[in-house]
Amino acid sequence: MPKGYVILTESIKDPAGMDAYSRAVGPSMAQGGASVLAVDGRPQLLEGDWHGNRTVVLEFESVEAARAWYESEAYERAKPLRQAAADTNAVIIAGFEPPSRGA
């Protein structure tokens, strides 16, 4: 089963509000088994347009675990803080698993 990744691009309007969100979201991430892989305020754009001024990449054991975290009661309490403080795009994607050589 491939890992699941949540990627958020955030256009922060209220830094203090995002600080409050960062404090509030921690327990839900621990409960959901999230690992923070990247937080970057200056991604190096190679092509096209990019949204926001911060990108966050979270890793979960599976797409199902990522979805369960995003829809969890614990995250539902923190999410409004982010939504008030930033315009965000969020996606869940599946990690790549190469085909087995013996198949």
C-alpha atoms as a PDB file:
ATOM      1  CA  MET A   1       0.000   0.000   0.000  1.00  0.00           C
ATOM      2  CA  PRO A   2       1.532   3.359  -0.988  1.00  0.00           C
ATOM      3  CA  LYS A   3       2.081   6.133   1.499  1.00  0.00           C
ATOM      4  CA  GLY A   4      -0.300   9.084   1.472  1.00  0.00           C
ATOM      5  CA  TYR A   5       0.798  12.701   1.263  1.00  0.00           C
ATOM      6  CA  VAL A   6      -1.054  15.885   2.103  1.00  0.00           C
ATOM      7  CA  ILE A   7       0.328  18.932   0.319  1.00  0.00           C
ATOM      8  CA  LEU A   8      -0.858  22.397   1.302  1.00  0.00           C
ATOM      9  CA  THR A   9       0.037  25.644  -0.429  1.00  0.00           C
ATOM     10  CA  GLU A  10      -0.782  28.564   1.823  1.00  0.00           C
ATOM     11  CA  SER A  11      -1.103  32.254   1.107  1.00  0.00           C
ATOM     12  CA  ILE A  12      -0.778  33.565   4.649  1.00  0.00           C
ATOM     13  CA  LYS A  13      -2.843  36.644   5.504  1.00  0.00           C
ATOM     14  CA  ASP A  14      -2.500  36.534   9.302  1.00  0.00           C
ATOM     15  CA  PRO A  15       0.852  35.264  10.652  1.00  0.00           C
ATOM     16  CA  ALA A  16      -0.363  35.321  14.273  1.00  0.00           C
ATOM     17  CA  GLY A  17      -3.391  33.271  13.240  1.00  0.00           C
ATOM     18  CA  MET A  18      -1.114  30.753  11.512  1.00  0.00           C
ATOM     19  CA  ASP A  19       0.971  30.530  14.681  1.00  0.00           C
ATOM     20  CA  ALA A  20      -2.223  29.688  16.610  1.00  0.00           C
ATOM     21  CA  TYR A  21      -3.077  27.064  13.973  1.00  0.00           C
ATOM     22  CA  SER A  22       0.420  25.564  14.216  1.00  0.00           C
ATOM     23  CA  ARG A  23      -0.014  25.122  17.965  1.00  0.00           C
ATOM     24  CA  ALA A  24      -3.527  23.686  17.591  1.00  0.00           C
ATOM     25  CA  VAL A  25      -2.781  21.243  14.772  1.00  0.00           C
ATOM     26  CA  GLY A  26       0.085  19.412  16.497  1.00  0.00           C
ATOM     27  CA  PRO A  27      -2.014  16.993  18.579  1.00  0.00           C
ATOM     28  CA  SER A  28      -4.141  15.975  15.589  1.00  0.00           C
ATOM     29  CA  MET A  29      -1.019  15.303  13.525  1.00  0.00           C
ATOM     30  CA  ALA A  30       0.437  13.131  16.290  1.00  0.00           C
ATOM     31  CA  GLN A  31      -2.850  11.205  16.582  1.00  0.00           C
ATOM     32  CA  GLY A  32      -3.035  10.802  12.792  1.00  0.00           C
ATOM     33  CA  GLY A  33       0.540   9.568  12.444  1.00  0.00           C
ATOM     34  CA  ALA A  34       1.672  12.480  10.271  1.00  0.00           C
ATOM     35  CA  SER A  35       5.319  13.169   9.545  1.00  0.00           C
ATOM     36  CA  VAL A  36       6.261  16.656   8.374  1.00  0.00           C
ATOM     37  CA  LEU A  37       8.510  16.187   5.353  1.00  0.00           C
ATOM     38  CA  ALA A  38       8.836  19.808   4.244  1.00  0.00           C
ATOM     39  CA  VAL A  39       7.815  23.336   5.129  1.00  0.00           C
ATOM     40  CA  ASP A  40       9.147  25.914   2.716  1.00  0.00           C
ATOM     41  CA  GLY A  41       8.408  29.597   2.344  1.00  0.00           C
ATOM     42  CA  ARG A  42      10.411  29.882  -0.862  1.00  0.00           C
ATOM     43  CA  PRO A  43       9.915  26.937  -3.196  1.00  0.00           C
ATOM     44  CA  GLN A  44      12.037  27.141  -6.314  1.00  0.00           C
ATOM     45  CA  LEU A  45       9.468  27.435  -9.070  1.00  0.00           C
ATOM     46  CA  LEU A  46      10.582  25.635 -12.208  1.00  0.00           C
ATOM     47  CA  GLU A  47       7.487  26.005 -14.391  1.00  0.00           C
ATOM     48  CA  GLY A  48       4.018  27.496 -14.305  1.00  0.00           C
ATOM     49  CA  ASP A  49       2.411  29.336 -11.414  1.00  0.00           C
ATOM     50  CA  TRP A  50       2.541  28.435  -7.733  1.00  0.00           C
ATOM     51  CA  HIS A  51       0.007  29.409  -5.117  1.00  0.00           C
ATOM     52  CA  GLY A  52       0.918  30.932  -1.812  1.00  0.00           C
ATOM     53  CA  ASN A  53       3.977  31.803   0.168  1.00  0.00           C
ATOM     54  CA  ARG A  54       4.364  28.557   2.135  1.00  0.00           C
ATOM     55  CA  THR A  55       4.179  24.918   1.097  1.00  0.00           C
ATOM     56  CA  VAL A  56       3.783  22.049   3.572  1.00  0.00           C
ATOM     57  CA  VAL A  57       4.198  18.342   2.795  1.00  0.00           C
ATOM     58  CA  LEU A  58       2.903  15.756   5.294  1.00  0.00           C
ATOM     59  CA  GLU A  59       3.419  11.992   5.018  1.00  0.00           C
ATOM     60  CA  PHE A  60       1.021   9.323   6.272  1.00  0.00           C
ATOM     61  CA  GLU A  61       1.103   5.523   6.204  1.00  0.00           C
ATOM     62  CA  SER A  62      -1.527   5.498   3.447  1.00  0.00           C
ATOM     63  CA  VAL A  63      -3.952   7.671   1.497  1.00  0.00           C
ATOM     64  CA  GLU A  64      -6.684   6.351   3.788  1.00  0.00           C
ATOM     65  CA  ALA A  65      -4.725   7.485   6.869  1.00  0.00           C
ATOM     66  CA  ALA A  66      -4.224  10.932   5.315  1.00  0.00           C
ATOM     67  CA  ARG A  67      -7.947  11.242   4.589  1.00  0.00           C
ATOM     68  CA  ALA A  68      -8.835   9.992   8.092  1.00  0.00           C
ATOM     69  CA  TRP A  69      -6.587  12.674   9.626  1.00  0.00           C
ATOM     70  CA  TYR A  70      -8.000  15.436   7.419  1.00  0.00           C
ATOM     71  CA  GLU A  71     -11.557  14.444   8.306  1.00  0.00           C
ATOM     72  CA  SER A  72     -10.828  13.719  11.989  1.00  0.00           C
ATOM     73  CA  GLU A  73     -12.616  15.502  14.788  1.00  0.00           C
ATOM     74  CA  ALA A  74      -9.265  16.696  16.144  1.00  0.00           C
ATOM     75  CA  TYR A  75      -8.287  18.325  12.849  1.00  0.00           C
ATOM     76  CA  GLU A  76     -11.780  19.718  12.341  1.00  0.00           C
ATOM     77  CA  ARG A  77     -11.155  21.818  15.475  1.00  0.00           C
ATOM     78  CA  ALA A  78      -7.845  23.221  14.158  1.00  0.00           C
ATOM     79  CA  LYS A  79      -8.798  23.687  10.496  1.00  0.00           C
ATOM     80  CA  PRO A  80     -10.881  26.889  10.966  1.00  0.00           C
ATOM     81  CA  LEU A  81      -7.812  28.647  12.390  1.00  0.00           C
ATOM     82  CA  ARG A  82      -5.897  27.944   9.172  1.00  0.00           C
ATOM     83  CA  GLN A  83      -8.853  28.833   6.988  1.00  0.00           C
ATOM     84  CA  ALA A  84      -9.168  32.213   8.732  1.00  0.00           C
ATOM     85  CA  ALA A  85      -5.433  32.943   8.541  1.00  0.00           C
ATOM     86  CA  ALA A  86      -4.572  31.760   5.016  1.00  0.00           C
ATOM     87  CA  ASP A  87      -5.993  31.010   1.604  1.00  0.00           C
ATOM     88  CA  THR A  88      -5.004  27.391   1.099  1.00  0.00           C
ATOM     89  CA  ASN A  89      -4.990  24.760  -1.599  1.00  0.00           C
ATOM     90  CA  ALA A  90      -4.817  21.222  -0.205  1.00  0.00           C
ATOM     91  CA  VAL A  91      -4.487  17.848  -1.912  1.00  0.00           C
ATOM     92  CA  ILE A  92      -3.979  14.234  -0.937  1.00  0.00           C
ATOM     93  CA  ILE A  93      -1.816  12.165  -3.255  1.00  0.00           C
ATOM     94  CA  ALA A  94      -0.634   8.570  -3.240  1.00  0.00           C
ATOM     95  CA  GLY A  95       3.047   7.787  -3.087  1.00  0.00           C
ATOM     96  CA  PHE A  96       4.668   5.935  -5.954  1.00  0.00           C
ATOM     97  CA  GLU A  97       5.276   2.223  -5.675  1.00  0.00           C
ATOM     98  CA  PRO A  98       7.316   0.756  -8.514  1.00  0.00           C
ATOM     99  CA  PRO A  99       5.919  -2.425 -10.017  1.00  0.00           C
ATOM    100  CA  SER A 100       7.449  -5.564  -8.571  1.00  0.00           C
ATOM    101  CA  ARG A 101      10.118  -7.101 -10.796  1.00  0.00           C
ATOM    102  CA  GLY A 102       8.725 -10.593 -10.523  1.00  0.00           C
ATOM    103  CA  ALA A 103       5.223  -9.751 -11.696  1.00  0.00           C
END
